[in-house]
Amino acid sequence: MSGAVLRVGLISDTHGLLRPEALAFLRGCEHIIHAGDIGHVGILEELRTLAPLAPVRGNNDRGDWAQGLPETEFLEIGGVYVYVIHDLRELDIDPGSAGVSVVVSGHSHVPRIAEKNGVLYVNPGSSGPRRFKLPVAVGELILAGGSVSARIVELDLGK
């Protein structure tokens, strides 16, 4: 897949609300990562209709439906290694030493892209209920030829 361009959708902190604007953004992705605080199993079911889904359990994901969800996920997509965890403060590996190129997290509701020691850290923010004055956002990874870039998009909620 070295010549292919892959689009990986990033969503987090839906807290039971999967907005139509988020679904529209994720359509056409080859993969979707949900970085936790999902809210209920119906959100996972709906996202799985769009693309292969890699969800992790957030601190608010409780109940029988969430018990089978991993707390972390280690993925290889298009030759790029991605580590997914809900709360970045609980990161339990050294990403660079583990060969990870991207760490995707949620929890803070604050969208952020940062690079540290050759590792890209991406938090797509929250796409669920608005919290304080934080934006409602989603993100994406673009993988091409073994390289990766990230983008965060604030959803237009028709204010």
C-alpha atoms as a PDB file:
ATOM      1  CA  MET A   1       0.000   0.000   0.000  1.00  0.00           C
ATOM      2  CA  SER A   2       2.979   2.314  -0.197  1.00  0.00           C
ATOM      3  CA  GLY A   3       1.503   4.383  -3.034  1.00  0.00           C
ATOM      4  CA  ALA A   4      -2.014   4.556  -1.644  1.00  0.00           C
ATOM      5  CA  VAL A   5      -3.350   7.541   0.232  1.00  0.00           C
ATOM      6  CA  LEU A   6      -5.416   6.489   3.227  1.00  0.00           C
ATOM      7  CA  ARG A   7      -7.787   8.652   5.229  1.00  0.00           C
ATOM      8  CA  VAL A   8      -8.280   7.652   8.862  1.00  0.00           C
ATOM      9  CA  GLY A   9     -11.128   9.391  10.679  1.00  0.00           C
ATOM     10  CA  LEU A  10     -10.607  10.421  14.298  1.00  0.00           C
ATOM     11  CA  ILE A  11     -13.475  10.927  16.718  1.00  0.00           C
ATOM     12  CA  SER A  12     -13.626  11.093  20.487  1.00  0.00           C
ATOM     13  CA  ASP A  13     -15.821  11.963  23.416  1.00  0.00           C
ATOM     14  CA  THR A  14     -19.174  11.480  21.703  1.00  0.00           C
ATOM     15  CA  HIS A  15     -20.755  10.890  25.143  1.00  0.00           C
ATOM     16  CA  GLY A  16     -23.815   9.318  23.515  1.00  0.00           C
ATOM     17  CA  LEU A  17     -24.243  11.942  20.772  1.00  0.00           C
ATOM     18  CA  LEU A  18     -23.151  11.022  17.239  1.00  0.00           C
ATOM     19  CA  ARG A  19     -23.811  14.206  15.317  1.00  0.00           C
ATOM     20  CA  PRO A  20     -24.816  14.037  11.624  1.00  0.00           C
ATOM     21  CA  GLU A  21     -22.001  16.520  10.890  1.00  0.00           C
ATOM     22  CA  ALA A  22     -19.478  14.079  12.379  1.00  0.00           C
ATOM     23  CA  LEU A  23     -20.908  11.197  10.336  1.00  0.00           C
ATOM     24  CA  ALA A  24     -20.698  13.284   7.169  1.00  0.00           C
ATOM     25  CA  PHE A  25     -17.047  14.079   7.881  1.00  0.00           C
ATOM     26  CA  LEU A  26     -16.177  10.416   8.499  1.00  0.00           C
ATOM     27  CA  ARG A  27     -17.832   9.133   5.324  1.00  0.00           C
ATOM     28  CA  GLY A  28     -15.213   7.936   2.871  1.00  0.00           C
ATOM     29  CA  CYS A  29     -12.571   7.112   5.488  1.00  0.00           C
ATOM     30  CA  GLU A  30     -10.743   3.811   5.092  1.00  0.00           C
ATOM     31  CA  HIS A  31     -10.573   3.434   8.894  1.00  0.00           C
ATOM     32  CA  ILE A  32     -12.091   5.166  11.926  1.00  0.00           C
ATOM     33  CA  ILE A  33     -10.551   5.502  15.387  1.00  0.00           C
ATOM     34  CA  HIS A  34     -12.771   6.376  18.364  1.00  0.00           C
ATOM     35  CA  ALA A  35     -10.626   7.526  21.296  1.00  0.00           C
ATOM     36  CA  GLY A  36     -13.166   6.763  24.014  1.00  0.00           C
ATOM     37  CA  ASP A  37     -16.053   8.144  26.043  1.00  0.00           C
ATOM     38  CA  ILE A  38     -18.349   6.669  23.435  1.00  0.00           C
ATOM     39  CA  GLY A  39     -21.582   6.671  25.430  1.00  0.00           C
ATOM     40  CA  HIS A  40     -23.429   3.614  24.111  1.00  0.00           C
ATOM     41  CA  VAL A  41     -23.016   0.683  21.750  1.00  0.00           C
ATOM     42  CA  GLY A  42     -25.256   2.219  19.067  1.00  0.00           C
ATOM     43  CA  ILE A  43     -22.539   4.742  18.242  1.00  0.00           C
ATOM     44  CA  LEU A  44     -20.058   1.935  17.557  1.00  0.00           C
ATOM     45  CA  GLU A  45     -22.603   0.097  15.431  1.00  0.00           C
ATOM     46  CA  GLU A  46     -23.267   3.186  13.325  1.00  0.00           C
ATOM     47  CA  LEU A  47     -19.573   3.990  12.866  1.00  0.00           C
ATOM     48  CA  ARG A  48     -18.896   0.385  11.783  1.00  0.00           C
ATOM     49  CA  THR A  49     -21.277   0.891   8.857  1.00  0.00           C
ATOM     50  CA  LEU A  50     -18.850   3.508   7.491  1.00  0.00           C
ATOM     51  CA  ALA A  51     -15.447   1.808   7.843  1.00  0.00           C
ATOM     52  CA  PRO A  52     -13.433  -0.620   9.989  1.00  0.00           C
ATOM     53  CA  LEU A  53     -13.499   0.803  13.523  1.00  0.00           C
ATOM     54  CA  ALA A  54     -10.884   0.774  16.289  1.00  0.00           C
ATOM     55  CA  PRO A  55     -12.490   2.046  19.525  1.00  0.00           C
ATOM     56  CA  VAL A  56     -10.976   2.271  22.993  1.00  0.00           C
ATOM     57  CA  ARG A  57     -12.843   2.509  26.285  1.00  0.00           C
ATOM     58  CA  GLY A  58     -12.976   5.891  27.984  1.00  0.00           C
ATOM     59  CA  ASN A  59     -13.373   6.601  31.684  1.00  0.00           C
ATOM     60  CA  ASN A  60     -17.124   7.174  31.185  1.00  0.00           C
ATOM     61  CA  ASP A  61     -17.709   3.988  29.157  1.00  0.00           C
ATOM     62  CA  ARG A  62     -19.309   1.700  31.718  1.00  0.00           C
ATOM     63  CA  GLY A  63     -21.734  -1.172  31.594  1.00  0.00           C
ATOM     64  CA  ASP A  64     -21.824  -4.534  29.875  1.00  0.00           C
ATOM     65  CA  TRP A  65     -21.568  -3.082  26.370  1.00  0.00           C
ATOM     66  CA  ALA A  66     -18.190  -1.444  27.173  1.00  0.00           C
ATOM     67  CA  GLN A  67     -16.524  -4.333  29.012  1.00  0.00           C
ATOM     68  CA  GLY A  68     -15.071  -5.856  25.845  1.00  0.00           C
ATOM     69  CA  LEU A  69     -13.519  -2.602  24.658  1.00  0.00           C
ATOM     70  CA  PRO A  70      -9.738  -2.340  25.051  1.00  0.00           C
ATOM     71  CA  GLU A  71      -8.235   0.492  27.073  1.00  0.00           C
ATOM     72  CA  THR A  72      -5.518   0.905  24.426  1.00  0.00           C
ATOM     73  CA  GLU A  73      -5.119  -0.139  20.823  1.00  0.00           C
ATOM     74  CA  PHE A  74      -1.963  -0.645  18.749  1.00  0.00           C
ATOM     75  CA  LEU A  75      -2.683  -0.449  15.019  1.00  0.00           C
ATOM     76  CA  GLU A  76      -0.730  -0.685  11.798  1.00  0.00           C
ATOM     77  CA  ILE A  77      -2.433   1.231   9.011  1.00  0.00           C
ATOM     78  CA  GLY A  78      -0.738   1.738   5.670  1.00  0.00           C
ATOM     79  CA  GLY A  79       2.680   1.036   7.164  1.00  0.00           C
ATOM     80  CA  VAL A  80       2.209   3.556   9.983  1.00  0.00           C
ATOM     81  CA  TYR A  81       1.950   2.456  13.629  1.00  0.00           C
ATOM     82  CA  VAL A  82      -0.756   4.194  15.652  1.00  0.00           C
ATOM     83  CA  TYR A  83      -1.349   3.891  19.400  1.00  0.00           C
ATOM     84  CA  VAL A  84      -4.787   4.818  20.742  1.00  0.00           C
ATOM     85  CA  ILE A  85      -5.534   5.661  24.392  1.00  0.00           C
ATOM     86  CA  HIS A  86      -8.354   7.695  25.908  1.00  0.00           C
ATOM     87  CA  ASP A  87      -6.402   9.733  28.467  1.00  0.00           C
ATOM     88  CA  LEU A  88      -2.914  10.719  27.326  1.00  0.00           C
ATOM     89  CA  ARG A  89      -1.858  11.107  30.974  1.00  0.00           C
ATOM     90  CA  GLU A  90      -2.170   7.314  31.256  1.00  0.00           C
ATOM     91  CA  LEU A  91       0.215   6.624  28.360  1.00  0.00           C
ATOM     92  CA  ASP A  92       1.934   3.379  29.316  1.00  0.00           C
ATOM     93  CA  ILE A  93       4.550   3.060  26.564  1.00  0.00           C
ATOM     94  CA  ASP A  94       7.400   5.097  25.106  1.00  0.00           C
ATOM     95  CA  PRO A  95       5.898   5.599  21.638  1.00  0.00           C
ATOM     96  CA  GLY A  96       9.200   6.339  19.893  1.00  0.00           C
ATOM     97  CA  SER A  97      10.887   3.225  21.295  1.00  0.00           C
ATOM     98  CA  ALA A  98       7.839   1.146  20.351  1.00  0.00           C
ATOM     99  CA  GLY A  99       7.999   2.298  16.718  1.00  0.00           C
ATOM    100  CA  VAL A 100       4.786   4.309  17.036  1.00  0.00           C
ATOM    101  CA  SER A 101       4.428   7.267  14.672  1.00  0.00           C
ATOM    102  CA  VAL A 102       1.088   8.588  15.964  1.00  0.00           C
ATOM    103  CA  VAL A 103      -0.609   8.621  19.367  1.00  0.00           C
ATOM    104  CA  VAL A 104      -4.345   9.340  19.256  1.00  0.00           C
ATOM    105  CA  SER A 105      -6.114  10.313  22.476  1.00  0.00           C
ATOM    106  CA  GLY A 106      -9.255  12.015  23.726  1.00  0.00           C
ATOM    107  CA  HIS A 107     -10.509  12.852  27.223  1.00  0.00           C
ATOM    108  CA  SER A 108      -9.591  16.552  27.465  1.00  0.00           C
ATOM    109  CA  HIS A 109     -12.139  17.689  24.816  1.00  0.00           C
ATOM    110  CA  VAL A 110      -9.389  20.053  23.599  1.00  0.00           C
ATOM    111  CA  PRO A 111      -8.436  19.501  19.943  1.00  0.00           C
ATOM    112  CA  ARG A 112      -4.670  19.396  19.561  1.00  0.00           C
ATOM    113  CA  ILE A 113      -1.920  18.306  17.194  1.00  0.00           C
ATOM    114  CA  ALA A 114       1.634  18.283  18.511  1.00  0.00           C
ATOM    115  CA  GLU A 115       4.918  16.627  17.552  1.00  0.00           C
ATOM    116  CA  LYS A 116       7.349  15.452  20.203  1.00  0.00           C
ATOM    117  CA  ASN A 117      10.487  13.394  19.637  1.00  0.00           C
ATOM    118  CA  GLY A 118       9.345  12.351  16.176  1.00  0.00           C
ATOM    119  CA  VAL A 119       5.898  11.195  17.346  1.00  0.00           C
ATOM    120  CA  LEU A 120       2.694  12.943  16.249  1.00  0.00           C
ATOM    121  CA  TYR A 121       0.166  13.381  19.089  1.00  0.00           C
ATOM    122  CA  VAL A 122      -3.421  14.004  17.973  1.00  0.00           C
ATOM    123  CA  ASN A 123      -6.502  14.695  20.063  1.00  0.00           C
ATOM    124  CA  PRO A 124      -9.503  15.321  17.780  1.00  0.00           C
ATOM    125  CA  GLY A 125     -11.390  17.012  20.615  1.00  0.00           C
ATOM    126  CA  SER A 126     -15.003  16.238  21.443  1.00  0.00           C
ATOM    127  CA  SER A 127     -17.669  15.680  18.812  1.00  0.00           C
ATOM    128  CA  GLY A 128     -20.430  15.082  21.356  1.00  0.00           C
ATOM    129  CA  PRO A 129     -22.250  17.558  23.597  1.00  0.00           C
ATOM    130  CA  ARG A 130     -20.522  20.933  23.728  1.00  0.00           C
ATOM    131  CA  ARG A 131     -18.492  21.453  26.872  1.00  0.00           C
ATOM    132  CA  PHE A 132     -17.826  24.984  28.080  1.00  0.00           C
ATOM    133  CA  LYS A 133     -16.701  27.060  25.085  1.00  0.00           C
ATOM    134  CA  LEU A 134     -14.603  24.280  23.541  1.00  0.00           C
ATOM    135  CA  PRO A 135     -15.117  23.573  19.843  1.00  0.00           C
ATOM    136  CA  VAL A 136     -17.043  20.529  18.630  1.00  0.00           C
ATOM    137  CA  ALA A 137     -14.496  18.814  16.412  1.00  0.00           C
ATOM    138  CA  VAL A 138     -13.266  15.686  14.649  1.00  0.00           C
ATOM    139  CA  GLY A 139      -9.974  14.898  12.993  1.00  0.00           C
ATOM    140  CA  GLU A 140      -8.229  12.828  10.396  1.00  0.00           C
ATOM    141  CA  LEU A 141      -4.908  11.265   9.609  1.00  0.00           C
ATOM    142  CA  ILE A 142      -3.726  11.246   6.015  1.00  0.00           C
ATOM    143  CA  LEU A 143      -1.284   8.417   5.354  1.00  0.00           C
ATOM    144  CA  ALA A 144       0.704   8.367   2.142  1.00  0.00           C
ATOM    145  CA  GLY A 145       3.885   6.469   1.330  1.00  0.00           C
ATOM    146  CA  GLY A 146       4.657   5.736   4.978  1.00  0.00           C
ATOM    147  CA  SER A 147       4.299   9.374   6.042  1.00  0.00           C
ATOM    148  CA  VAL A 148       1.441  10.805   8.045  1.00  0.00           C
ATOM    149  CA  SER A 149      -0.165  14.197   8.563  1.00  0.00           C
ATOM    150  CA  ALA A 150      -3.060  15.221  10.788  1.00  0.00           C
ATOM    151  CA  ARG A 151      -5.868  17.725  10.587  1.00  0.00           C
ATOM    152  CA  ILE A 152      -8.598  18.808  13.005  1.00  0.00           C
ATOM    153  CA  VAL A 153     -11.890  20.151  11.710  1.00  0.00           C
ATOM    154  CA  GLU A 154     -14.351  22.119  13.805  1.00  0.00           C
ATOM    155  CA  LEU A 155     -17.848  20.968  12.905  1.00  0.00           C
ATOM    156  CA  ASP A 156     -20.230  23.521  11.453  1.00  0.00           C
ATOM    157  CA  LEU A 157     -23.300  23.103  13.632  1.00  0.00           C
ATOM    158  CA  GLY A 158     -25.304  25.749  11.784  1.00  0.00           C
ATOM    159  CA  LYS A 159     -25.069  28.282  14.615  1.00  0.00           C
END
